């Protein structure tokens, strides 16, 4: 069955057709190809010709992501997820098994423990420095192109973050972070967690599904923070003038089953005023354990931020690297980390 499906899709690709696959057919294709160690580029080309007849839902996407696809396959899966967003859900049972939904009392206990950990998060962190590698893309011609790459020194001291631009496209820079233009983000170290779990936010949290995240089972809850309770700030402008609004947020919270630590937050802005230039904003922030001064701390690993106006969509891909304990003489260098050149 595995090879028959892959062969059928490949023949259709060679013939120039665009096959329509059910979700389970596509899942089988991807799982079997990854199990057989099919090259990333080869599988991506096959997926590029696939047109889904059913929605690629969030849970299925997460499970496929946990199988460890290469970057090109992952990009194609993201494309399929976006293009199938308005299609009907898959018929029949999922190919990914999941435990039973936890009882309401258990769900409440999970959220209680996760909230306590989240609200204590920033005070539990040590002072440190780290590197942010930020690749910024823009889609103004129907596809994303790399515009620039920023290397940023991040300092976390007395529970506050500060940012210093070290280089732009590999060239040293002294431009202040707030003045480099384009899409920039701040607050990855606790602000988003606090927005979801602070009592002031009065977030509505509901069970959604089980998933596997980086090989570990996780609970997934939806959340919604109404605009009147929100502190999520969006700013457009420069030194000569700025337009600032508060937006509501909704999305998903991923809680590790064994530790009740927050491992991922996906947040999307809503209730954006009609006059505001930015019409959509979505952030995915992933946490993982990193060594700082000989101890393991849960810290951001990577983030993806998408924003859009009626005429332009942007995407920032952020990697957090080289965490070091902050001391009076701490320095951080990034030798040999020459970023990709921006696309012409």
Protein backbone atom coordinates (compact mmCIF):
# COMPACT_ATOMS: atom_id res chain seq x y z
CA UNK A 1 0.00 0.00 0.00
CA UNK A 2 2.84 2.34 0.90
CA UNK A 3 4.69 2.03 -2.38
CA UNK A 4 1.50 1.87 -4.43
CA UNK A 5 0.38 5.25 -3.08
CA UNK A 6 3.78 6.86 -3.51
CA UNK A 7 4.05 5.47 -7.05
CA UNK A 8 0.58 6.71 -7.98
CA UNK A 9 1.36 10.21 -6.74
CA UNK A 10 4.73 10.21 -8.50
CA UNK A 11 3.18 9.15 -11.81
CA UNK A 12 0.61 11.92 -11.53
CA UNK A 13 3.38 14.43 -10.83
CA UNK A 14 5.36 13.28 -13.84
CA UNK A 15 2.25 13.56 -15.97
CA UNK A 16 1.74 17.15 -14.83
CA UNK A 17 -1.53 16.41 -13.04
CA UNK A 18 -2.48 17.76 -9.63
CA UNK A 19 -3.84 14.79 -7.62
CA UNK A 20 -6.50 15.27 -4.99
CA UNK A 21 -5.67 13.34 -1.83
CA UNK A 22 -7.60 12.68 1.33
CA UNK A 23 -5.86 13.70 4.53
CA UNK A 24 -5.14 10.11 5.55
CA UNK A 25 -3.62 9.34 2.15
CA UNK A 26 -1.30 12.30 2.56
CA UNK A 27 -0.40 11.32 6.12
CA UNK A 28 0.44 7.79 4.96
CA UNK A 29 2.55 9.14 2.13
CA UNK A 30 4.56 11.42 4.43
CA UNK A 31 4.99 8.89 7.24
CA UNK A 32 6.15 6.14 4.94
CA UNK A 33 8.50 8.40 3.01
CA UNK A 34 10.11 9.64 6.24
CA UNK A 35 10.39 6.10 7.57
CA UNK A 36 12.14 5.06 4.37
CA UNK A 37 14.43 8.12 4.65
CA UNK A 38 13.31 9.62 1.37
CA UNK A 39 15.35 12.79 0.66
CA UNK A 40 13.76 16.03 1.85
CA UNK A 41 13.87 17.61 -1.59
CA UNK A 42 12.29 14.59 -3.29
CA UNK A 43 9.35 14.31 -0.90
CA UNK A 44 8.82 18.08 -1.00
CA UNK A 45 8.48 17.96 -4.79
CA UNK A 46 5.80 15.27 -4.51
CA UNK A 47 3.89 17.23 -1.86
CA UNK A 48 4.09 20.38 -3.95
CA UNK A 49 1.82 18.72 -6.53
CA UNK A 50 -0.70 17.43 -3.98
CA UNK A 51 -4.06 19.10 -3.55
CA UNK A 52 -5.98 18.09 -0.44
CA UNK A 53 -9.68 17.30 -0.47
CA UNK A 54 -9.88 17.65 3.34
CA UNK A 55 -8.51 20.06 5.92
CA UNK A 56 -5.02 19.51 7.30
CA UNK A 57 -5.94 20.24 10.90
CA UNK A 58 -3.61 21.51 13.61
CA UNK A 59 -3.23 18.19 15.42
CA UNK A 60 -2.33 16.24 12.26
CA UNK A 61 0.17 18.92 11.28
CA UNK A 62 1.78 18.71 14.75
CA UNK A 63 2.03 14.93 14.59
CA UNK A 64 3.67 15.08 11.16
CA UNK A 65 6.02 17.79 12.41
CA UNK A 66 7.04 15.55 15.31
CA UNK A 67 8.16 12.87 12.84
CA UNK A 68 11.10 15.13 11.96
CA UNK A 69 10.57 16.19 8.34
CA UNK A 70 13.21 18.33 6.65
CA UNK A 71 12.72 22.07 6.13
CA UNK A 72 11.41 21.75 2.56
CA UNK A 73 8.83 19.11 3.50
CA UNK A 74 7.81 21.18 6.52
CA UNK A 75 7.32 24.22 4.28
CA UNK A 76 5.10 22.17 1.96
CA UNK A 77 3.05 20.90 4.89
CA UNK A 78 2.57 24.49 6.05
CA UNK A 79 1.41 25.40 2.55
CA UNK A 80 -1.06 22.52 2.53
CA UNK A 81 -2.37 23.54 5.93
CA UNK A 82 -2.98 27.11 4.81
CA UNK A 83 -4.52 26.16 1.45
CA UNK A 84 -6.88 23.60 3.04
CA UNK A 85 -8.04 25.82 5.91
CA UNK A 86 -11.58 26.19 4.53
CA UNK A 87 -12.03 22.58 3.43
CA UNK A 88 -14.21 20.11 5.37
CA UNK A 89 -12.61 18.05 8.17
CA UNK A 90 -11.29 14.61 7.38
CA UNK A 91 -13.80 11.77 7.28
CA UNK A 92 -13.16 8.74 9.47
CA UNK A 93 -10.77 8.25 12.40
CA UNK A 94 -7.34 9.85 12.58
CA UNK A 95 -4.30 7.72 11.79
CA UNK A 96 -2.68 9.04 14.97
CA UNK A 97 -3.84 7.34 18.15
CA UNK A 98 -4.54 9.47 21.21
CA UNK A 99 -5.41 8.76 24.86
CA UNK A 100 -8.95 9.50 26.05
CA UNK A 101 -9.85 13.10 26.80
CA UNK A 102 -8.98 13.82 30.46
CA UNK A 103 -11.96 14.29 32.80
CA UNK A 104 -12.93 17.89 33.58
CA UNK A 105 -11.45 17.66 37.07
CA UNK A 106 -8.12 16.51 35.66
CA UNK A 107 -8.17 19.28 33.04
CA UNK A 108 -8.73 21.83 35.80
CA UNK A 109 -5.79 20.46 37.79
CA UNK A 110 -3.53 20.55 34.73
CA UNK A 111 -4.42 24.19 34.13
CA UNK A 112 -3.94 25.06 37.81
CA UNK A 113 -0.42 23.63 37.85
CA UNK A 114 0.49 25.07 34.44
CA UNK A 115 -0.75 28.53 35.54
CA UNK A 116 1.36 28.44 38.71
CA UNK A 117 4.47 27.52 36.71
CA UNK A 118 3.77 30.16 34.05
CA UNK A 119 3.16 33.03 36.49
CA UNK A 120 6.36 32.15 38.37
CA UNK A 121 8.30 31.84 35.12
CA UNK A 122 10.15 35.17 34.88
CA UNK A 123 11.11 35.23 38.56
CA UNK A 124 12.58 31.73 38.20
CA UNK A 125 14.98 32.72 35.40
CA UNK A 126 18.61 33.65 36.01
CA UNK A 127 20.21 36.77 34.54
CA UNK A 128 21.66 35.77 31.17
CA UNK A 129 22.74 36.87 27.72
CA UNK A 130 21.92 35.11 24.47
CA UNK A 131 21.94 35.54 20.73
CA UNK A 132 18.89 36.02 18.56
CA UNK A 133 19.25 35.17 14.89
CA UNK A 134 16.30 36.75 13.08
CA UNK A 135 15.52 36.05 9.43
CA UNK A 136 12.94 38.47 8.06
CA UNK A 137 10.86 37.61 5.01
CA UNK A 138 8.29 39.58 3.04
CA UNK A 139 5.64 38.38 0.60
CA UNK A 140 4.84 41.13 -1.85
CA UNK A 141 4.77 39.10 -5.08
CA UNK A 142 2.91 35.97 -4.07
CA UNK A 143 5.74 34.21 -2.24
CA UNK A 144 8.08 34.94 0.68
CA UNK A 145 11.55 36.27 -0.01
CA UNK A 146 14.34 36.72 2.53
CA UNK A 147 14.87 40.45 3.04
CA UNK A 148 17.50 40.58 5.77
CA UNK A 149 19.07 38.71 8.68
CA UNK A 150 19.67 40.31 12.06
CA UNK A 151 22.09 39.17 14.76
CA UNK A 152 20.95 40.55 18.10
CA UNK A 153 22.44 40.38 21.58
CA UNK A 154 19.67 39.76 24.08
CA UNK A 155 20.33 40.60 27.74
CA UNK A 156 17.97 39.48 30.50
CA UNK A 157 18.72 41.30 33.77
CA UNK A 158 16.47 41.93 36.79
CA UNK A 159 13.55 40.30 34.92
CA UNK A 160 13.77 42.78 32.03
CA UNK A 161 14.91 42.27 28.44
CA UNK A 162 17.14 44.54 26.38
CA UNK A 163 18.20 44.18 22.76
CA UNK A 164 21.33 45.29 20.93
CA UNK A 165 21.73 44.86 17.17
CA UNK A 166 25.16 43.40 16.41
CA UNK A 167 24.91 42.94 12.67
CA UNK A 168 22.57 43.21 9.68
CA UNK A 169 23.26 40.76 6.84
CA UNK A 170 26.64 39.99 8.42
CA UNK A 171 27.77 43.64 8.57
CA UNK A 172 28.35 45.23 12.01
CA UNK A 173 25.61 47.65 13.02
CA UNK A 174 25.00 50.20 15.77
CA UNK A 175 21.40 50.98 14.77
CA UNK A 176 19.12 50.83 17.86
CA UNK A 177 16.80 47.83 17.79
CA UNK A 178 13.65 49.98 17.83
CA UNK A 179 14.86 51.94 14.78
CA UNK A 180 15.81 49.20 12.33
CA UNK A 181 12.37 49.29 10.68
CA UNK A 182 10.28 46.38 9.47
CA UNK A 183 8.67 43.85 11.79
CA UNK A 184 10.31 43.47 15.20
CA UNK A 185 9.10 41.68 18.33
CA UNK A 186 9.85 41.81 22.04
CA UNK A 187 8.64 40.07 25.18
CA UNK A 188 9.30 36.40 24.42
CA UNK A 189 10.54 35.79 27.98
CA UNK A 190 7.31 35.77 29.91
CA UNK A 191 5.03 38.42 28.42
CA UNK A 192 3.05 35.98 26.31
CA UNK A 193 2.81 33.49 29.18
CA UNK A 194 1.55 36.22 31.49
CA UNK A 195 -0.97 37.41 28.91
CA UNK A 196 -2.54 33.94 28.81
CA UNK A 197 -2.40 33.00 32.50
CA UNK A 198 -2.62 36.26 34.46
CA UNK A 199 -5.90 36.56 36.36
CA UNK A 200 -6.39 40.06 34.91
CA UNK A 201 -6.61 38.55 31.41
CA UNK A 202 -9.52 36.33 32.47
CA UNK A 203 -8.57 33.99 29.61
CA UNK A 204 -11.05 31.33 28.62
CA UNK A 205 -9.19 28.00 28.46
CA UNK A 206 -10.76 24.86 26.99
CA UNK A 207 -9.50 21.38 26.22
CA UNK A 208 -8.81 20.81 22.52
CA UNK A 209 -6.70 17.71 21.80
CA UNK A 210 -3.71 15.53 22.54
CA UNK A 211 -0.58 15.89 20.44
CA UNK A 212 3.07 14.89 20.26
CA UNK A 213 5.52 17.78 20.45
CA UNK A 214 9.19 17.08 19.76
CA UNK A 215 8.62 13.46 20.64
CA UNK A 216 6.80 14.12 23.94
CA UNK A 217 3.05 13.79 24.61
CA UNK A 218 1.33 17.09 25.34
CA UNK A 219 -2.07 18.45 26.28
CA UNK A 220 -3.39 21.21 24.01
CA UNK A 221 -5.87 23.81 25.25
CA UNK A 222 -7.43 26.69 23.36
CA UNK A 223 -7.38 30.14 24.93
CA UNK A 224 -9.06 33.46 24.29
CA UNK A 225 -8.31 36.85 25.87
CA UNK A 226 -10.98 39.44 25.15
CA UNK A 227 -9.73 42.83 24.01
CA UNK A 228 -11.07 44.60 27.12
CA UNK A 229 -8.84 42.37 29.29
CA UNK A 230 -5.84 42.26 26.96
CA UNK A 231 -2.41 43.88 27.24
CA UNK A 232 -1.21 42.82 23.81
CA UNK A 233 0.19 45.96 22.19
CA UNK A 234 0.69 46.49 18.46
CA UNK A 235 2.65 49.50 17.22
CA UNK A 236 3.03 50.87 13.69
CA UNK A 237 5.21 53.85 12.79
CA UNK A 238 8.60 55.41 13.45
CA UNK A 239 10.17 58.24 15.47
CA UNK A 240 8.02 60.85 13.72
CA UNK A 241 4.72 59.21 14.58
CA UNK A 242 3.26 56.00 15.92
CA UNK A 243 -0.14 54.35 15.97
CA UNK A 244 -0.64 52.05 18.97
CA UNK A 245 -3.56 49.75 19.72
CA UNK A 246 -4.48 46.96 22.12
CA UNK A 247 -5.77 43.77 20.47
CA UNK A 248 -7.39 40.65 21.82
CA UNK A 249 -5.77 37.24 21.34
CA UNK A 250 -6.76 33.63 20.84
CA UNK A 251 -4.85 30.46 20.11
CA UNK A 252 -3.40 27.31 21.64
CA UNK A 253 -1.37 26.43 24.73
CA UNK A 254 0.72 23.23 24.70
CA UNK A 255 1.40 21.67 28.10
CA UNK A 256 3.94 18.88 28.54
CA UNK A 257 2.12 15.84 29.96
CA UNK A 258 4.89 14.81 32.36
CA UNK A 259 6.00 18.21 33.74
CA UNK A 260 3.04 20.56 33.15
CA UNK A 261 5.52 23.03 31.64
CA UNK A 262 4.34 25.23 28.78
CA UNK A 263 6.18 24.00 25.67
CA UNK A 264 4.48 26.07 22.96
CA UNK A 265 2.09 28.99 22.59
CA UNK A 266 0.36 29.90 19.35
CA UNK A 267 -1.34 33.30 19.60
CA UNK A 268 -3.32 35.20 16.97
CA UNK A 269 -4.50 38.78 17.34
CA UNK A 270 -8.19 39.63 17.01
CA UNK A 271 -10.49 42.61 17.52
CA UNK A 272 -8.04 44.80 15.56
CA UNK A 273 -9.61 48.22 14.86
CA UNK A 274 -10.58 48.69 11.22
CA UNK A 275 -8.36 51.80 10.86
CA UNK A 276 -5.18 50.01 11.97
CA UNK A 277 -2.78 49.18 9.08
CA UNK A 278 -1.85 45.71 10.40
CA UNK A 279 -4.75 43.38 9.71
CA UNK A 280 -3.36 40.10 11.02
CA UNK A 281 -0.69 38.99 13.50
CA UNK A 282 0.20 35.46 14.57
CA UNK A 283 3.02 34.24 16.82
CA UNK A 284 4.26 30.72 17.52
CA UNK A 285 6.75 30.48 20.37
CA UNK A 286 8.48 27.20 21.28
CA UNK A 287 10.20 26.55 24.61
CA UNK A 288 12.83 23.97 25.48
CA UNK A 289 15.48 23.31 28.10
CA UNK A 290 18.85 25.05 27.75
CA UNK A 291 21.95 25.12 29.93
CA UNK A 292 22.72 28.40 31.71
CA UNK A 293 25.63 28.37 34.14
CA UNK A 294 25.50 24.60 34.56
CA UNK A 295 21.74 24.40 35.24
CA UNK A 296 18.83 23.58 32.95
CA UNK A 297 16.16 26.24 32.44
CA UNK A 298 13.07 26.29 30.23
CA UNK A 299 13.81 29.01 27.66
CA UNK A 300 12.59 30.06 24.20
CA UNK A 301 14.09 27.96 21.40
CA UNK A 302 12.51 29.52 18.35
CA UNK A 303 9.65 31.75 17.31
CA UNK A 304 7.79 32.59 14.13
CA UNK A 305 5.91 35.85 13.83
CA UNK A 306 3.62 36.64 10.89
CA UNK A 307 2.04 40.03 10.31
CA UNK A 308 0.20 41.49 7.38
CA UNK A 309 -1.32 44.61 5.89
CA UNK A 310 -3.75 44.57 2.95
CA UNK A 311 -0.76 44.76 0.57
CA UNK A 312 2.13 43.01 2.38
CA UNK A 313 2.69 39.90 4.49
CA UNK A 314 5.82 39.48 6.62
CA UNK A 315 7.35 36.52 8.44
CA UNK A 316 10.11 36.61 11.05
CA UNK A 317 11.91 33.40 11.95
CA UNK A 318 13.77 33.73 15.26
CA UNK A 319 16.30 31.31 16.75
CA UNK A 320 17.60 31.74 20.30
CA UNK A 321 21.18 30.52 20.72
CA UNK A 322 24.28 30.61 22.95
CA UNK A 323 22.64 31.17 26.33
CA UNK A 324 25.20 32.29 28.93
CA UNK A 325 24.91 33.30 32.57
CA UNK A 326 25.08 37.09 32.97
CA UNK A 327 28.01 38.40 35.02
CA UNK A 328 29.79 41.75 35.13
CA UNK A 329 32.37 40.61 32.59
CA UNK A 330 30.17 38.44 30.36
CA UNK A 331 30.78 38.83 26.64
CA UNK A 332 29.20 37.05 23.73
CA UNK A 333 30.61 36.67 20.24
CA UNK A 334 29.27 34.97 17.15
CA UNK A 335 32.28 34.11 15.07
CA UNK A 336 31.61 32.21 11.88
CA UNK A 337 27.86 32.75 12.00
CA UNK A 338 27.58 34.53 8.67
CA UNK A 339 23.88 34.68 7.73
CA UNK A 340 22.39 33.98 4.36
CA UNK A 341 22.39 36.85 1.91
CA UNK A 342 18.98 38.41 1.37
CA UNK A 343 17.12 37.46 -1.77
CA UNK A 344 17.31 39.96 -4.59
